[in-house]
N, C-alpha and C. Protein backbone atom coordinates (compact mmCIF):
# COMPACT_ATOMS: atom_id res chain seq x y z
N UNK A 1 17.65 15.16 -8.26
CA UNK A 1 16.70 14.06 -8.04
C UNK A 1 15.33 14.47 -8.57
N UNK A 2 14.61 13.57 -9.16
CA UNK A 2 13.30 13.86 -9.72
C UNK A 2 12.29 14.17 -8.63
N UNK A 3 11.31 14.99 -8.97
CA UNK A 3 10.44 15.57 -7.96
C UNK A 3 9.50 14.57 -7.28
N UNK A 4 8.87 13.69 -8.06
CA UNK A 4 7.89 12.78 -7.46
C UNK A 4 8.54 11.86 -6.43
N UNK A 5 9.67 11.29 -6.77
CA UNK A 5 10.35 10.39 -5.83
C UNK A 5 10.86 11.16 -4.61
N UNK A 6 11.35 12.37 -4.84
CA UNK A 6 11.83 13.18 -3.72
C UNK A 6 10.68 13.47 -2.75
N UNK A 7 9.50 13.81 -3.28
CA UNK A 7 8.35 14.08 -2.43
C UNK A 7 7.98 12.86 -1.59
N UNK A 8 8.05 11.68 -2.20
CA UNK A 8 7.70 10.46 -1.47
C UNK A 8 8.77 10.10 -0.44
N UNK A 9 10.02 10.36 -0.76
CA UNK A 9 11.07 10.14 0.22
C UNK A 9 10.90 11.07 1.42
N UNK A 10 10.51 12.31 1.14
CA UNK A 10 10.24 13.25 2.22
C UNK A 10 9.05 12.82 3.06
N UNK A 11 8.09 12.12 2.42
CA UNK A 11 6.91 11.65 3.14
C UNK A 11 7.24 10.52 4.11
N UNK A 12 8.16 9.64 3.74
CA UNK A 12 8.47 8.50 4.60
C UNK A 12 9.50 8.82 5.70
N UNK A 13 10.32 9.81 5.44
CA UNK A 13 11.44 10.05 6.37
C UNK A 13 11.01 10.33 7.81
N UNK A 14 9.99 11.18 8.05
CA UNK A 14 9.61 11.43 9.46
C UNK A 14 9.21 10.17 10.21
N UNK A 15 8.62 9.20 9.50
CA UNK A 15 8.19 7.96 10.16
C UNK A 15 9.38 7.07 10.47
N UNK A 16 10.37 7.08 9.59
CA UNK A 16 11.60 6.35 9.88
C UNK A 16 12.36 6.99 11.03
N UNK A 17 12.32 8.32 11.10
CA UNK A 17 13.03 9.03 12.17
C UNK A 17 12.42 8.77 13.53
N UNK A 18 11.17 8.29 13.55
CA UNK A 18 10.53 7.92 14.82
C UNK A 18 11.09 6.63 15.39
N UNK A 19 11.80 5.88 14.53
CA UNK A 19 12.38 4.61 14.97
C UNK A 19 13.77 4.85 15.55
N UNK A 20 14.29 3.82 16.18
CA UNK A 20 15.62 3.88 16.77
C UNK A 20 16.60 3.11 15.88
N UNK A 21 17.81 3.61 15.78
CA UNK A 21 18.84 2.91 14.99
C UNK A 21 18.91 1.45 15.43
N UNK A 22 18.90 0.56 14.44
CA UNK A 22 18.92 -0.87 14.73
C UNK A 22 17.56 -1.51 14.70
N UNK A 23 16.50 -0.69 14.67
CA UNK A 23 15.15 -1.24 14.59
C UNK A 23 14.92 -1.92 13.24
N UNK A 24 13.95 -2.83 13.24
CA UNK A 24 13.55 -3.55 12.03
C UNK A 24 12.12 -3.12 11.68
N UNK A 25 11.85 -2.92 10.38
CA UNK A 25 10.51 -2.58 9.92
C UNK A 25 10.19 -3.40 8.68
N UNK A 26 8.91 -3.71 8.52
CA UNK A 26 8.44 -4.40 7.32
C UNK A 26 7.83 -3.41 6.36
N UNK A 27 7.93 -3.70 5.08
CA UNK A 27 7.18 -2.95 4.07
C UNK A 27 6.40 -3.96 3.25
N UNK A 28 5.08 -3.78 3.20
CA UNK A 28 4.21 -4.68 2.45
C UNK A 28 4.16 -4.22 1.00
N UNK A 29 4.47 -5.13 0.08
CA UNK A 29 4.56 -4.76 -1.33
C UNK A 29 3.75 -5.72 -2.19
N UNK A 30 2.68 -5.22 -2.76
CA UNK A 30 1.84 -6.04 -3.64
C UNK A 30 2.43 -6.12 -5.05
N UNK A 31 3.22 -5.10 -5.40
CA UNK A 31 3.74 -5.01 -6.77
C UNK A 31 3.07 -3.90 -7.55
N UNK A 32 2.01 -3.31 -6.98
CA UNK A 32 1.37 -2.16 -7.60
C UNK A 32 2.22 -0.91 -7.44
N UNK A 33 1.82 0.17 -8.11
CA UNK A 33 2.63 1.39 -8.11
C UNK A 33 2.79 1.98 -6.71
N UNK A 34 1.72 1.96 -5.91
CA UNK A 34 1.79 2.57 -4.58
C UNK A 34 2.82 1.89 -3.70
N UNK A 35 2.75 0.56 -3.63
CA UNK A 35 3.65 -0.16 -2.73
C UNK A 35 5.09 -0.22 -3.27
N UNK A 36 5.24 -0.27 -4.59
CA UNK A 36 6.59 -0.23 -5.16
C UNK A 36 7.26 1.11 -4.89
N UNK A 37 6.49 2.19 -5.06
CA UNK A 37 7.04 3.52 -4.78
C UNK A 37 7.40 3.65 -3.30
N UNK A 38 6.56 3.08 -2.43
CA UNK A 38 6.84 3.09 -1.00
C UNK A 38 8.15 2.35 -0.71
N UNK A 39 8.28 1.17 -1.29
CA UNK A 39 9.50 0.38 -1.08
C UNK A 39 10.73 1.13 -1.55
N UNK A 40 10.62 1.80 -2.69
CA UNK A 40 11.75 2.56 -3.23
C UNK A 40 12.11 3.74 -2.33
N UNK A 41 11.10 4.46 -1.88
CA UNK A 41 11.35 5.61 -1.01
C UNK A 41 11.99 5.18 0.30
N UNK A 42 11.50 4.09 0.88
CA UNK A 42 12.03 3.62 2.15
C UNK A 42 13.48 3.13 2.03
N UNK A 43 13.78 2.39 0.98
CA UNK A 43 15.12 1.82 0.86
C UNK A 43 16.16 2.91 0.59
N UNK A 44 15.71 4.05 0.09
CA UNK A 44 16.62 5.17 -0.12
C UNK A 44 16.91 5.92 1.18
N UNK A 45 15.95 5.90 2.10
CA UNK A 45 16.07 6.69 3.33
C UNK A 45 16.55 5.88 4.54
N UNK A 46 16.19 4.60 4.60
CA UNK A 46 16.44 3.81 5.80
C UNK A 46 17.91 3.58 6.14
N UNK A 47 18.79 3.30 5.16
CA UNK A 47 20.18 2.99 5.52
C UNK A 47 20.87 4.09 6.31
N UNK A 48 20.61 5.34 5.96
CA UNK A 48 21.24 6.47 6.67
C UNK A 48 20.84 6.50 8.14
N UNK A 49 19.63 5.98 8.42
CA UNK A 49 19.12 5.98 9.79
C UNK A 49 19.36 4.65 10.51
N UNK A 50 20.08 3.74 9.83
CA UNK A 50 20.41 2.42 10.40
C UNK A 50 19.16 1.62 10.74
N UNK A 51 18.15 1.73 9.87
CA UNK A 51 16.93 0.94 10.03
C UNK A 51 16.99 -0.25 9.08
N UNK A 52 16.71 -1.43 9.59
CA UNK A 52 16.68 -2.64 8.76
C UNK A 52 15.28 -2.81 8.17
N UNK A 53 15.21 -2.93 6.86
CA UNK A 53 13.93 -3.12 6.17
C UNK A 53 13.81 -4.54 5.63
N UNK A 54 12.65 -5.12 5.85
CA UNK A 54 12.33 -6.43 5.26
C UNK A 54 11.08 -6.24 4.42
N UNK A 55 11.14 -6.63 3.16
CA UNK A 55 9.99 -6.51 2.27
C UNK A 55 9.18 -7.80 2.30
N UNK A 56 7.86 -7.65 2.28
CA UNK A 56 6.97 -8.81 2.30
C UNK A 56 5.95 -8.67 1.17
N UNK A 57 5.86 -9.68 0.35
CA UNK A 57 4.79 -9.70 -0.65
C UNK A 57 3.89 -10.90 -0.35
N UNK A 58 2.61 -10.65 -0.29
CA UNK A 58 1.64 -11.68 0.07
C UNK A 58 1.05 -12.30 -1.20
N UNK A 59 1.17 -13.61 -1.30
CA UNK A 59 0.55 -14.35 -2.40
C UNK A 59 -0.78 -14.92 -1.88
N UNK A 60 -1.88 -14.29 -2.31
CA UNK A 60 -3.20 -14.73 -1.85
C UNK A 60 -3.67 -16.00 -2.56
N UNK A 61 -2.96 -16.41 -3.59
CA UNK A 61 -3.28 -17.64 -4.34
C UNK A 61 -4.70 -17.62 -4.91
N UNK A 62 -5.13 -16.43 -5.33
CA UNK A 62 -6.48 -16.28 -5.86
C UNK A 62 -6.52 -16.26 -7.39
N UNK A 63 -5.35 -16.15 -8.00
CA UNK A 63 -5.27 -16.09 -9.45
C UNK A 63 -4.22 -17.07 -9.96
N UNK A 64 -4.47 -17.58 -11.13
CA UNK A 64 -3.48 -18.46 -11.76
C UNK A 64 -2.19 -17.69 -11.99
N UNK A 65 -1.08 -18.29 -11.62
CA UNK A 65 0.21 -17.63 -11.82
C UNK A 65 0.56 -16.61 -10.75
N UNK A 66 -0.17 -16.63 -9.63
CA UNK A 66 0.12 -15.66 -8.57
C UNK A 66 1.52 -15.85 -8.00
N UNK A 67 2.00 -17.09 -8.01
CA UNK A 67 3.35 -17.35 -7.51
C UNK A 67 4.41 -16.73 -8.42
N UNK A 68 4.14 -16.76 -9.72
CA UNK A 68 5.07 -16.16 -10.68
C UNK A 68 5.13 -14.65 -10.48
N UNK A 69 3.95 -14.04 -10.28
CA UNK A 69 3.90 -12.60 -10.04
C UNK A 69 4.63 -12.23 -8.75
N UNK A 70 4.47 -13.04 -7.72
CA UNK A 70 5.15 -12.76 -6.45
C UNK A 70 6.67 -12.79 -6.63
N UNK A 71 7.15 -13.70 -7.45
CA UNK A 71 8.60 -13.78 -7.70
C UNK A 71 9.09 -12.58 -8.50
N UNK A 72 8.24 -12.05 -9.39
CA UNK A 72 8.61 -10.85 -10.13
C UNK A 72 8.75 -9.65 -9.19
N UNK A 73 7.83 -9.57 -8.24
CA UNK A 73 7.92 -8.51 -7.23
C UNK A 73 9.21 -8.68 -6.42
N UNK A 74 9.49 -9.90 -6.03
CA UNK A 74 10.71 -10.18 -5.26
C UNK A 74 11.95 -9.75 -6.03
N UNK A 75 11.98 -10.03 -7.33
CA UNK A 75 13.13 -9.66 -8.16
C UNK A 75 13.33 -8.16 -8.19
N UNK A 76 12.24 -7.40 -8.35
CA UNK A 76 12.35 -5.94 -8.37
C UNK A 76 12.83 -5.40 -7.03
N UNK A 77 12.34 -5.98 -5.94
CA UNK A 77 12.73 -5.52 -4.62
C UNK A 77 14.21 -5.79 -4.34
N UNK A 78 14.68 -6.94 -4.76
CA UNK A 78 16.10 -7.25 -4.57
C UNK A 78 16.97 -6.31 -5.41
N UNK A 79 16.49 -5.96 -6.61
CA UNK A 79 17.22 -5.02 -7.45
C UNK A 79 17.28 -3.63 -6.82
N UNK A 80 16.26 -3.28 -6.03
CA UNK A 80 16.25 -1.99 -5.31
C UNK A 80 17.31 -1.96 -4.21
N UNK A 81 17.63 -3.15 -3.68
CA UNK A 81 18.59 -3.20 -2.59
C UNK A 81 18.11 -3.92 -1.35
N UNK A 82 16.91 -4.50 -1.41
CA UNK A 82 16.41 -5.25 -0.25
C UNK A 82 17.17 -6.56 -0.11
N UNK A 83 17.73 -6.78 1.06
CA UNK A 83 18.48 -8.00 1.31
C UNK A 83 17.57 -9.18 1.58
N UNK A 84 16.43 -8.90 2.21
CA UNK A 84 15.49 -9.97 2.53
C UNK A 84 14.11 -9.62 2.01
N UNK A 85 13.58 -10.49 1.16
CA UNK A 85 12.23 -10.31 0.61
C UNK A 85 11.47 -11.61 0.84
N UNK A 86 10.43 -11.51 1.62
CA UNK A 86 9.64 -12.69 1.99
C UNK A 86 8.41 -12.80 1.09
N UNK A 87 8.22 -13.97 0.50
CA UNK A 87 6.98 -14.28 -0.20
C UNK A 87 6.16 -15.16 0.73
N UNK A 88 5.03 -14.64 1.15
CA UNK A 88 4.19 -15.36 2.11
C UNK A 88 2.88 -15.78 1.44
N UNK A 89 2.66 -17.08 1.35
CA UNK A 89 1.41 -17.58 0.79
C UNK A 89 0.34 -17.66 1.88
N UNK A 90 -0.86 -17.22 1.54
CA UNK A 90 -1.96 -17.28 2.49
C UNK A 90 -3.16 -17.95 1.82
N UNK A 91 -4.04 -18.46 2.65
CA UNK A 91 -5.29 -19.05 2.17
C UNK A 91 -6.44 -18.11 2.51
N UNK A 92 -7.30 -17.85 1.53
CA UNK A 92 -8.44 -16.94 1.72
C UNK A 92 -9.71 -17.77 1.74
N UNK A 93 -10.43 -17.71 2.85
CA UNK A 93 -11.60 -18.58 3.03
C UNK A 93 -12.80 -18.14 2.21
N UNK A 94 -12.96 -16.83 1.99
CA UNK A 94 -14.08 -16.25 1.26
C UNK A 94 -15.42 -16.42 1.98
N UNK A 95 -15.41 -16.73 3.27
CA UNK A 95 -16.65 -16.89 4.02
C UNK A 95 -17.37 -15.56 4.20
N UNK A 96 -16.60 -14.50 4.40
CA UNK A 96 -17.18 -13.18 4.60
C UNK A 96 -17.11 -12.30 3.36
N UNK A 97 -16.70 -12.91 2.25
CA UNK A 97 -16.51 -12.15 1.02
C UNK A 97 -15.03 -12.08 0.69
N UNK A 98 -14.72 -12.09 -0.60
CA UNK A 98 -13.34 -12.16 -1.04
C UNK A 98 -12.50 -11.00 -0.53
N UNK A 99 -13.01 -9.77 -0.66
CA UNK A 99 -12.24 -8.60 -0.23
C UNK A 99 -11.92 -8.65 1.26
N UNK A 100 -12.93 -8.90 2.06
CA UNK A 100 -12.76 -8.88 3.51
C UNK A 100 -11.83 -10.00 3.97
N UNK A 101 -12.02 -11.20 3.42
CA UNK A 101 -11.22 -12.33 3.88
C UNK A 101 -9.78 -12.25 3.39
N UNK A 102 -9.58 -11.69 2.19
CA UNK A 102 -8.21 -11.49 1.70
C UNK A 102 -7.48 -10.50 2.60
N UNK A 103 -8.19 -9.45 2.99
CA UNK A 103 -7.58 -8.46 3.88
C UNK A 103 -7.24 -9.09 5.24
N UNK A 104 -8.15 -9.87 5.79
CA UNK A 104 -7.91 -10.52 7.08
C UNK A 104 -6.69 -11.44 7.01
N UNK A 105 -6.61 -12.23 5.94
CA UNK A 105 -5.48 -13.16 5.77
C UNK A 105 -4.17 -12.39 5.61
N UNK A 106 -4.22 -11.29 4.87
CA UNK A 106 -3.02 -10.48 4.62
C UNK A 106 -2.49 -9.86 5.91
N UNK A 107 -3.37 -9.26 6.68
CA UNK A 107 -2.93 -8.61 7.92
C UNK A 107 -2.46 -9.63 8.95
N UNK A 108 -3.11 -10.78 8.98
CA UNK A 108 -2.67 -11.84 9.91
C UNK A 108 -1.25 -12.28 9.57
N UNK A 109 -0.97 -12.42 8.28
CA UNK A 109 0.37 -12.83 7.85
C UNK A 109 1.40 -11.76 8.19
N UNK A 110 1.07 -10.50 7.94
CA UNK A 110 2.00 -9.41 8.27
C UNK A 110 2.27 -9.34 9.76
N UNK A 111 1.23 -9.51 10.57
CA UNK A 111 1.40 -9.49 12.02
C UNK A 111 2.33 -10.61 12.48
N UNK A 112 2.15 -11.80 11.90
CA UNK A 112 2.96 -12.95 12.29
C UNK A 112 4.42 -12.75 11.90
N UNK A 113 4.66 -12.21 10.71
CA UNK A 113 6.03 -11.98 10.26
C UNK A 113 6.69 -10.89 11.11
N UNK A 114 5.94 -9.84 11.42
CA UNK A 114 6.49 -8.77 12.26
C UNK A 114 6.88 -9.32 13.62
N UNK A 115 6.06 -10.19 14.18
CA UNK A 115 6.37 -10.80 15.49
C UNK A 115 7.62 -11.67 15.39
N UNK A 116 7.71 -12.44 14.31
CA UNK A 116 8.85 -13.36 14.15
C UNK A 116 10.17 -12.62 14.01
N UNK A 117 10.14 -11.45 13.36
CA UNK A 117 11.38 -10.71 13.11
C UNK A 117 11.58 -9.55 14.09
N UNK A 118 10.64 -9.37 14.98
CA UNK A 118 10.76 -8.27 15.93
C UNK A 118 10.62 -6.90 15.29
N UNK A 119 9.83 -6.83 14.24
CA UNK A 119 9.64 -5.55 13.54
C UNK A 119 8.76 -4.62 14.37
N UNK A 120 9.16 -3.37 14.46
CA UNK A 120 8.41 -2.40 15.27
C UNK A 120 7.38 -1.64 14.45
N UNK A 121 7.53 -1.63 13.13
CA UNK A 121 6.56 -0.97 12.26
C UNK A 121 6.33 -1.79 11.00
N UNK A 122 5.13 -1.63 10.44
CA UNK A 122 4.78 -2.26 9.17
C UNK A 122 4.27 -1.14 8.26
N UNK A 123 5.00 -0.87 7.19
CA UNK A 123 4.65 0.21 6.28
C UNK A 123 3.69 -0.27 5.19
N UNK A 124 2.64 0.51 4.97
CA UNK A 124 1.64 0.21 3.94
C UNK A 124 1.55 1.38 2.97
N UNK A 125 1.23 1.08 1.71
CA UNK A 125 1.28 2.09 0.65
C UNK A 125 -0.02 2.78 0.32
N UNK A 126 -0.98 2.81 1.24
CA UNK A 126 -2.25 3.49 0.95
C UNK A 126 -2.04 4.98 0.69
N UNK A 127 -2.74 5.49 -0.32
CA UNK A 127 -2.61 6.89 -0.71
C UNK A 127 -3.87 7.68 -0.36
N UNK A 128 -3.83 8.96 -0.70
CA UNK A 128 -5.00 9.82 -0.50
C UNK A 128 -6.20 9.31 -1.28
N UNK A 129 -5.94 8.72 -2.45
CA UNK A 129 -7.03 8.15 -3.25
C UNK A 129 -7.70 7.00 -2.50
N UNK A 130 -6.89 6.14 -1.90
CA UNK A 130 -7.44 5.03 -1.11
C UNK A 130 -8.25 5.56 0.07
N UNK A 131 -7.76 6.63 0.67
CA UNK A 131 -8.45 7.22 1.81
C UNK A 131 -9.85 7.70 1.40
N UNK A 132 -9.93 8.38 0.26
CA UNK A 132 -11.23 8.87 -0.22
C UNK A 132 -12.19 7.72 -0.46
N UNK A 133 -11.68 6.64 -1.05
CA UNK A 133 -12.52 5.47 -1.32
C UNK A 133 -12.99 4.83 -0.02
N UNK A 134 -12.11 4.78 0.96
CA UNK A 134 -12.45 4.19 2.26
C UNK A 134 -13.56 4.97 2.96
N UNK A 135 -13.47 6.29 2.90
CA UNK A 135 -14.49 7.13 3.53
C UNK A 135 -15.84 6.90 2.86
N UNK A 136 -15.86 6.88 1.53
CA UNK A 136 -17.12 6.67 0.81
C UNK A 136 -17.70 5.29 1.09
N UNK A 137 -16.86 4.28 1.14
CA UNK A 137 -17.34 2.94 1.45
C UNK A 137 -17.93 2.87 2.86
N UNK A 138 -17.29 3.55 3.79
CA UNK A 138 -17.79 3.57 5.16
C UNK A 138 -19.15 4.23 5.25
N UNK A 139 -19.31 5.33 4.55
CA UNK A 139 -20.60 6.02 4.54
C UNK A 139 -21.67 5.15 3.91
N UNK A 140 -21.31 4.46 2.82
CA UNK A 140 -22.28 3.60 2.14
C UNK A 140 -22.71 2.44 3.02
N UNK A 141 -21.82 2.00 3.92
CA UNK A 141 -22.13 0.86 4.79
C UNK A 141 -22.82 1.30 6.08
N UNK A 142 -23.07 2.59 6.20
CA UNK A 142 -23.80 3.08 7.37
C UNK A 142 -22.95 3.37 8.57
N UNK A 143 -21.65 3.60 8.36
CA UNK A 143 -20.76 3.87 9.50
C UNK A 143 -20.94 5.28 10.05
N UNK A 144 -21.63 6.13 9.31
CA UNK A 144 -21.90 7.48 9.78
C UNK A 144 -20.64 8.31 9.92
N UNK A 145 -20.62 9.17 10.94
CA UNK A 145 -19.49 10.09 11.10
C UNK A 145 -18.18 9.38 11.40
N UNK A 146 -18.25 8.16 11.91
CA UNK A 146 -17.01 7.40 12.19
C UNK A 146 -16.20 7.21 10.92
N UNK A 147 -16.88 7.04 9.78
CA UNK A 147 -16.17 6.76 8.53
C UNK A 147 -15.42 7.98 8.01
N UNK A 148 -15.78 9.18 8.48
CA UNK A 148 -15.15 10.39 7.97
C UNK A 148 -13.67 10.47 8.34
N UNK A 149 -13.29 9.78 9.41
CA UNK A 149 -11.88 9.79 9.81
C UNK A 149 -11.03 8.91 8.90
N UNK A 150 -11.66 7.93 8.25
CA UNK A 150 -10.93 7.07 7.32
C UNK A 150 -9.85 6.24 7.99
N UNK A 151 -8.80 5.94 7.24
CA UNK A 151 -7.69 5.16 7.76
C UNK A 151 -6.76 6.04 8.57
N UNK A 152 -6.23 5.51 9.64
CA UNK A 152 -5.29 6.26 10.48
C UNK A 152 -3.90 6.21 9.87
N UNK A 153 -3.18 7.31 9.98
CA UNK A 153 -1.80 7.32 9.49
C UNK A 153 -0.95 6.32 10.27
N UNK A 154 -1.16 6.29 11.59
CA UNK A 154 -0.48 5.31 12.44
C UNK A 154 -1.54 4.57 13.24
N UNK A 155 -1.54 3.26 13.14
CA UNK A 155 -2.48 2.43 13.88
C UNK A 155 -1.72 1.24 14.44
N UNK A 156 -1.26 1.39 15.67
CA UNK A 156 -0.41 0.36 16.24
C UNK A 156 0.91 0.28 15.49
N UNK A 157 1.25 -0.89 15.01
CA UNK A 157 2.48 -1.05 14.24
C UNK A 157 2.33 -0.58 12.80
N UNK A 158 1.10 -0.41 12.35
CA UNK A 158 0.87 -0.08 10.95
C UNK A 158 1.04 1.41 10.67
N UNK A 159 1.78 1.72 9.62
CA UNK A 159 2.08 3.11 9.26
C UNK A 159 1.76 3.32 7.78
N UNK A 160 1.03 4.40 7.50
CA UNK A 160 0.65 4.74 6.12
C UNK A 160 1.19 6.14 5.80
N UNK A 161 2.43 6.23 5.36
CA UNK A 161 3.04 7.55 5.15
C UNK A 161 2.54 8.28 3.91
N UNK A 162 1.80 7.60 3.03
CA UNK A 162 1.38 8.22 1.77
C UNK A 162 -0.06 8.73 1.78
N UNK A 163 -0.67 8.86 2.94
CA UNK A 163 -2.08 9.29 2.95
C UNK A 163 -2.27 10.74 2.50
N UNK A 164 -1.18 11.50 2.43
CA UNK A 164 -1.25 12.85 1.87
C UNK A 164 -0.70 12.89 0.45
N UNK A 165 -0.33 11.73 -0.08
CA UNK A 165 0.20 11.62 -1.44
C UNK A 165 -0.86 10.99 -2.34
N UNK A 166 -0.67 11.12 -3.65
CA UNK A 166 -1.67 10.63 -4.59
C UNK A 166 -1.15 9.46 -5.41
N UNK A 167 -2.09 8.77 -6.00
CA UNK A 167 -1.76 7.67 -6.91
C UNK A 167 -0.96 8.17 -8.11
N UNK A 168 -1.26 9.38 -8.55
CA UNK A 168 -0.51 9.98 -9.66
C UNK A 168 0.96 10.14 -9.29
N UNK A 169 1.22 10.53 -8.04
CA UNK A 169 2.60 10.69 -7.58
C UNK A 169 3.34 9.36 -7.54
N UNK A 170 2.67 8.32 -7.07
CA UNK A 170 3.35 7.02 -6.98
C UNK A 170 3.65 6.46 -8.37
N UNK A 171 2.73 6.67 -9.29
CA UNK A 171 2.99 6.23 -10.67
C UNK A 171 4.17 6.98 -11.27
N UNK A 172 4.22 8.29 -11.02
CA UNK A 172 5.33 9.10 -11.54
C UNK A 172 6.65 8.65 -10.92
N UNK A 173 6.64 8.36 -9.62
CA UNK A 173 7.86 7.92 -8.95
C UNK A 173 8.36 6.60 -9.53
N UNK A 174 7.43 5.69 -9.83
CA UNK A 174 7.82 4.41 -10.43
C UNK A 174 8.44 4.62 -11.81
N UNK A 175 7.89 5.55 -12.57
CA UNK A 175 8.47 5.85 -13.89
C UNK A 175 9.87 6.42 -13.74
N UNK A 176 10.04 7.32 -12.78
CA UNK A 176 11.36 7.93 -12.56
C UNK A 176 12.40 6.89 -12.14
N UNK A 177 11.97 5.94 -11.32
CA UNK A 177 12.88 4.91 -10.81
C UNK A 177 12.97 3.71 -11.75
N UNK A 178 12.26 3.78 -12.87
CA UNK A 178 12.24 2.70 -13.88
C UNK A 178 11.76 1.38 -13.28
N UNK A 179 10.74 1.49 -12.43
CA UNK A 179 10.11 0.31 -11.86
C UNK A 179 8.94 -0.09 -12.75
N UNK A 180 8.54 -1.35 -12.64
CA UNK A 180 7.45 -1.86 -13.47
C UNK A 180 6.31 -2.33 -12.56
N UNK A 181 5.34 -1.45 -12.29
CA UNK A 181 4.22 -1.83 -11.43
C UNK A 181 3.35 -2.89 -12.08
N UNK A 182 2.77 -3.70 -11.23
CA UNK A 182 1.83 -4.73 -11.67
C UNK A 182 0.42 -4.19 -11.59
N UNK A 183 -0.37 -4.46 -12.63
CA UNK A 183 -1.79 -4.08 -12.63
C UNK A 183 -2.61 -5.31 -12.27
N UNK A 184 -3.06 -5.36 -11.02
CA UNK A 184 -3.84 -6.48 -10.53
C UNK A 184 -5.20 -6.50 -11.23
N UNK A 185 -5.57 -7.62 -11.89
CA UNK A 185 -6.88 -7.70 -12.55
C UNK A 185 -8.04 -7.42 -11.60
N UNK A 186 -7.87 -7.73 -10.32
CA UNK A 186 -8.92 -7.46 -9.35
C UNK A 186 -9.21 -5.96 -9.21
N UNK A 187 -8.22 -5.13 -9.58
CA UNK A 187 -8.39 -3.69 -9.44
C UNK A 187 -9.27 -3.07 -10.52
N UNK A 188 -9.68 -3.87 -11.49
CA UNK A 188 -10.60 -3.37 -12.51
C UNK A 188 -11.88 -4.20 -12.56
N UNK A 189 -12.01 -5.12 -11.61
CA UNK A 189 -13.19 -5.99 -11.56
C UNK A 189 -14.27 -5.32 -10.71
N UNK A 190 -15.33 -4.88 -11.35
CA UNK A 190 -16.36 -4.10 -10.64
C UNK A 190 -17.27 -4.95 -9.76
N UNK A 191 -16.99 -6.24 -9.62
CA UNK A 191 -17.75 -7.01 -8.62
C UNK A 191 -17.29 -6.65 -7.20
N UNK A 192 -16.12 -6.00 -7.11
CA UNK A 192 -15.60 -5.57 -5.82
C UNK A 192 -16.06 -4.15 -5.53
N UNK A 193 -16.53 -3.93 -4.31
CA UNK A 193 -17.11 -2.64 -3.95
C UNK A 193 -16.12 -1.49 -4.09
N UNK A 194 -14.88 -1.70 -3.70
CA UNK A 194 -13.89 -0.63 -3.80
C UNK A 194 -13.64 -0.24 -5.25
N UNK A 195 -13.64 -1.22 -6.13
CA UNK A 195 -13.44 -0.92 -7.56
C UNK A 195 -14.62 -0.14 -8.12
N UNK A 196 -15.82 -0.48 -7.69
CA UNK A 196 -17.00 0.26 -8.15
C UNK A 196 -16.92 1.72 -7.71
N UNK A 197 -16.49 1.94 -6.48
CA UNK A 197 -16.32 3.31 -6.00
C UNK A 197 -15.28 4.04 -6.84
N UNK A 198 -14.16 3.37 -7.10
CA UNK A 198 -13.05 3.98 -7.84
C UNK A 198 -13.44 4.30 -9.28
N UNK A 199 -14.11 3.35 -9.93
CA UNK A 199 -14.40 3.48 -11.36
C UNK A 199 -15.69 4.23 -11.67
N UNK A 200 -16.67 4.15 -10.77
CA UNK A 200 -17.98 4.72 -11.07
C UNK A 200 -18.35 5.91 -10.21
N UNK A 201 -18.11 5.83 -8.92
CA UNK A 201 -18.56 6.89 -8.02
C UNK A 201 -17.60 8.08 -8.03
N UNK A 202 -16.30 7.82 -7.88
CA UNK A 202 -15.33 8.91 -7.79
C UNK A 202 -15.32 9.81 -9.03
N UNK A 203 -15.34 9.26 -10.24
CA UNK A 203 -15.35 10.14 -11.41
C UNK A 203 -16.56 11.06 -11.46
N UNK A 204 -17.74 10.54 -11.05
CA UNK A 204 -18.95 11.37 -11.04
C UNK A 204 -18.81 12.48 -10.00
N UNK A 205 -18.31 12.15 -8.82
CA UNK A 205 -18.13 13.15 -7.76
C UNK A 205 -17.14 14.23 -8.19
N UNK A 206 -16.04 13.81 -8.79
CA UNK A 206 -15.04 14.78 -9.23
C UNK A 206 -15.62 15.72 -10.27
N UNK A 207 -16.40 15.16 -11.20
CA UNK A 207 -17.01 15.98 -12.25
C UNK A 207 -18.01 16.96 -11.66
N UNK A 208 -18.85 16.48 -10.75
CA UNK A 208 -19.87 17.35 -10.16
C UNK A 208 -19.24 18.44 -9.30
N UNK A 209 -18.21 18.07 -8.54
CA UNK A 209 -17.55 19.06 -7.70
C UNK A 209 -16.82 20.11 -8.52
N UNK A 210 -16.28 19.70 -9.66
CA UNK A 210 -15.59 20.68 -10.54
C UNK A 210 -16.59 21.66 -11.12
N UNK A 211 -17.81 21.19 -11.41
CA UNK A 211 -18.86 22.07 -11.94
C UNK A 211 -19.30 23.07 -10.88
N UNK A 212 -19.40 22.59 -9.63
CA UNK A 212 -19.77 23.49 -8.54
C UNK A 212 -18.72 24.57 -8.36
N UNK A 213 -17.45 24.16 -8.45
CA UNK A 213 -16.34 25.11 -8.28
C UNK A 213 -16.37 26.17 -9.39
N UNK A 214 -16.65 25.73 -10.63
CA UNK A 214 -16.70 26.64 -11.76
C UNK A 214 -17.84 27.64 -11.60
N UNK A 215 -19.00 27.13 -11.16
CA UNK A 215 -20.17 27.99 -11.02
C UNK A 215 -20.01 28.96 -9.84
């Protein structure tokens, strides 16, 4: 078995082992490399533990053709072996800003689906890269030392098994599994604060820290 996918399967297994045979869990899949790799790792590990997985892709309806993209994600998930893939359309008010309101709508939808299906966990594909961005955003917003903790690995029903894994690993796993990740145009739009951190702040920090290490 190829190394990147094996590492990610090893990352998800302890969280699946916390469940009981017969339990149901959701996996949120946007179609990006992180969530596709998560879905692949979970579907390889869950059957042996008798865990039922339901994949959910959220259509925020913010871009033209978002429904077509959601169906492409659904097709890939079914090809992986998911028996049930839910496409959930949500409305984003944008009253508090596009990023914040999209997140609120997404989590509300996931919570509702988990309740409807009796799911005990909801798996999310956030990586170590996302964690670093979250910490920096928190500091920039004045959260102080609270932001240093970042996202929790387990927060209620929500589980993030990839917080010790990298975006490079998820991309490699997708290549190994011959998956086709979607590149969301919003992920390169610097009007969004997270994208600015990813594209502008993180590269400068990495460069400066590498110089400090060398010196």
